[in-house]
Amino acid sequence: MTIRLDTIDKVKGFVSTILHFEGDADLSSGRYTVDAKSILGIFSLELSQPLELELMGEPGPALAEELKRYSV
């Protein structure tokens, strides 16, 4: 899934949302990949560009609905 986290509030909201996901989640920007549950890791990425979110496992319908607000 491609997402955009171009404000501090979006990053904080995204991390708060993704912490409810029990599986692992990664965010990638170019050749860099970080743990999607790490706010410091996310801030190390190029946030002016879209990011690739990879979930290891099924997010469930409630989480999938919440993640839609960050999709591009």
C-alpha atoms as a PDB file:
ATOM      1  CA  MET A   1       0.000   0.000   0.000  1.00  0.00           C
ATOM      2  CA  THR A   2       1.308   3.462  -0.847  1.00  0.00           C
ATOM      3  CA  ILE A   3       0.790   6.093   1.827  1.00  0.00           C
ATOM      4  CA  ARG A   4       1.724   9.731   2.443  1.00  0.00           C
ATOM      5  CA  LEU A   5       2.808  11.049   5.834  1.00  0.00           C
ATOM      6  CA  ASP A   6       3.610  14.659   5.022  1.00  0.00           C
ATOM      7  CA  THR A   7       2.800  16.285   8.390  1.00  0.00           C
ATOM      8  CA  ILE A   8       3.834  15.628  11.974  1.00  0.00           C
ATOM      9  CA  ASP A   9       0.197  15.018  12.925  1.00  0.00           C
ATOM     10  CA  LYS A  10      -0.155  12.379  10.186  1.00  0.00           C
ATOM     11  CA  VAL A  11       2.986  10.599  11.398  1.00  0.00           C
ATOM     12  CA  LYS A  12       1.762  10.583  15.010  1.00  0.00           C
ATOM     13  CA  GLY A  13      -1.714   9.415  13.975  1.00  0.00           C
ATOM     14  CA  PHE A  14      -0.280   6.703  11.723  1.00  0.00           C
ATOM     15  CA  VAL A  15       2.004   5.325  14.457  1.00  0.00           C
ATOM     16  CA  SER A  16      -0.876   5.359  16.929  1.00  0.00           C
ATOM     17  CA  THR A  17      -2.997   3.424  14.422  1.00  0.00           C
ATOM     18  CA  ILE A  18      -0.344   0.911  13.322  1.00  0.00           C
ATOM     19  CA  LEU A  19       0.558   0.037  16.921  1.00  0.00           C
ATOM     20  CA  HIS A  20      -2.787  -1.809  17.078  1.00  0.00           C
ATOM     21  CA  PHE A  21      -1.553  -4.170  14.335  1.00  0.00           C
ATOM     22  CA  GLU A  22      -0.144  -7.297  15.948  1.00  0.00           C
ATOM     23  CA  GLY A  23       2.106  -8.263  13.043  1.00  0.00           C
ATOM     24  CA  ASP A  24       5.226  -6.591  11.721  1.00  0.00           C
ATOM     25  CA  ALA A  25       4.957  -3.569   9.466  1.00  0.00           C
ATOM     26  CA  ASP A  26       7.650  -1.854   7.384  1.00  0.00           C
ATOM     27  CA  LEU A  27       7.770   1.520   5.644  1.00  0.00           C
ATOM     28  CA  SER A  28      10.044   2.038   2.652  1.00  0.00           C
ATOM     29  CA  SER A  29      11.275   5.150   0.901  1.00  0.00           C
ATOM     30  CA  GLY A  30      13.664   4.406  -1.940  1.00  0.00           C
ATOM     31  CA  ARG A  31      16.262   1.981  -0.673  1.00  0.00           C
ATOM     32  CA  TYR A  32      15.571   2.661   3.017  1.00  0.00           C
ATOM     33  CA  THR A  33      13.191   0.531   5.087  1.00  0.00           C
ATOM     34  CA  VAL A  34      12.202   1.152   8.712  1.00  0.00           C
ATOM     35  CA  ASP A  35       9.858  -0.369  11.269  1.00  0.00           C
ATOM     36  CA  ALA A  36       6.470   1.320  10.692  1.00  0.00           C
ATOM     37  CA  LYS A  37       5.849   1.308  14.453  1.00  0.00           C
ATOM     38  CA  SER A  38       8.927   3.475  15.117  1.00  0.00           C
ATOM     39  CA  ILE A  39       8.216   7.195  15.047  1.00  0.00           C
ATOM     40  CA  LEU A  40      11.953   7.961  14.965  1.00  0.00           C
ATOM     41  CA  GLY A  41      12.441   5.549  12.087  1.00  0.00           C
ATOM     42  CA  ILE A  42       9.641   7.191  10.124  1.00  0.00           C
ATOM     43  CA  PHE A  43      11.123  10.651  10.651  1.00  0.00           C
ATOM     44  CA  SER A  44      14.393   9.381   9.154  1.00  0.00           C
ATOM     45  CA  LEU A  45      12.630   8.780   5.814  1.00  0.00           C
ATOM     46  CA  GLU A  46      11.989  11.285   3.020  1.00  0.00           C
ATOM     47  CA  LEU A  47       8.436  12.268   4.020  1.00  0.00           C
ATOM     48  CA  SER A  48       7.835  14.601   1.082  1.00  0.00           C
ATOM     49  CA  GLN A  49       7.551  11.477  -1.104  1.00  0.00           C
ATOM     50  CA  PRO A  50       4.981   8.658  -0.942  1.00  0.00           C
ATOM     51  CA  LEU A  51       5.999   5.692   1.232  1.00  0.00           C
ATOM     52  CA  GLU A  52       5.414   1.976   0.707  1.00  0.00           C
ATOM     53  CA  LEU A  53       3.739   0.218   3.632  1.00  0.00           C
ATOM     54  CA  GLU A  54       4.223  -3.543   3.886  1.00  0.00           C
ATOM     55  CA  LEU A  55       2.215  -5.480   6.463  1.00  0.00           C
ATOM     56  CA  MET A  56       3.283  -8.999   7.430  1.00  0.00           C
ATOM     57  CA  GLY A  57      -0.117 -10.529   8.047  1.00  0.00           C
ATOM     58  CA  GLU A  58      -3.743  -9.488   7.665  1.00  0.00           C
ATOM     59  CA  PRO A  59      -4.650  -6.085   9.101  1.00  0.00           C
ATOM     60  CA  GLY A  60      -8.308  -6.907   9.709  1.00  0.00           C
ATOM     61  CA  PRO A  61     -11.196  -4.763   8.479  1.00  0.00           C
ATOM     62  CA  ALA A  62     -11.057  -2.077  11.203  1.00  0.00           C
ATOM     63  CA  LEU A  63      -7.343  -1.367  10.763  1.00  0.00           C
ATOM     64  CA  ALA A  64      -7.602  -1.509   6.973  1.00  0.00           C
ATOM     65  CA  GLU A  65     -10.347   1.131   7.128  1.00  0.00           C
ATOM     66  CA  GLU A  66      -8.246   3.395   9.374  1.00  0.00           C
ATOM     67  CA  LEU A  67      -5.205   3.066   7.099  1.00  0.00           C
ATOM     68  CA  LYS A  68      -7.227   4.338   4.130  1.00  0.00           C
ATOM     69  CA  ARG A  69      -6.898   7.917   5.386  1.00  0.00           C
ATOM     70  CA  TYR A  70      -3.144   7.736   4.761  1.00  0.00           C
ATOM     71  CA  SER A  71      -3.279   6.097   1.330  1.00  0.00           C
ATOM     72  CA  VAL A  72      -2.338   7.989  -1.791  1.00  0.00           C
END
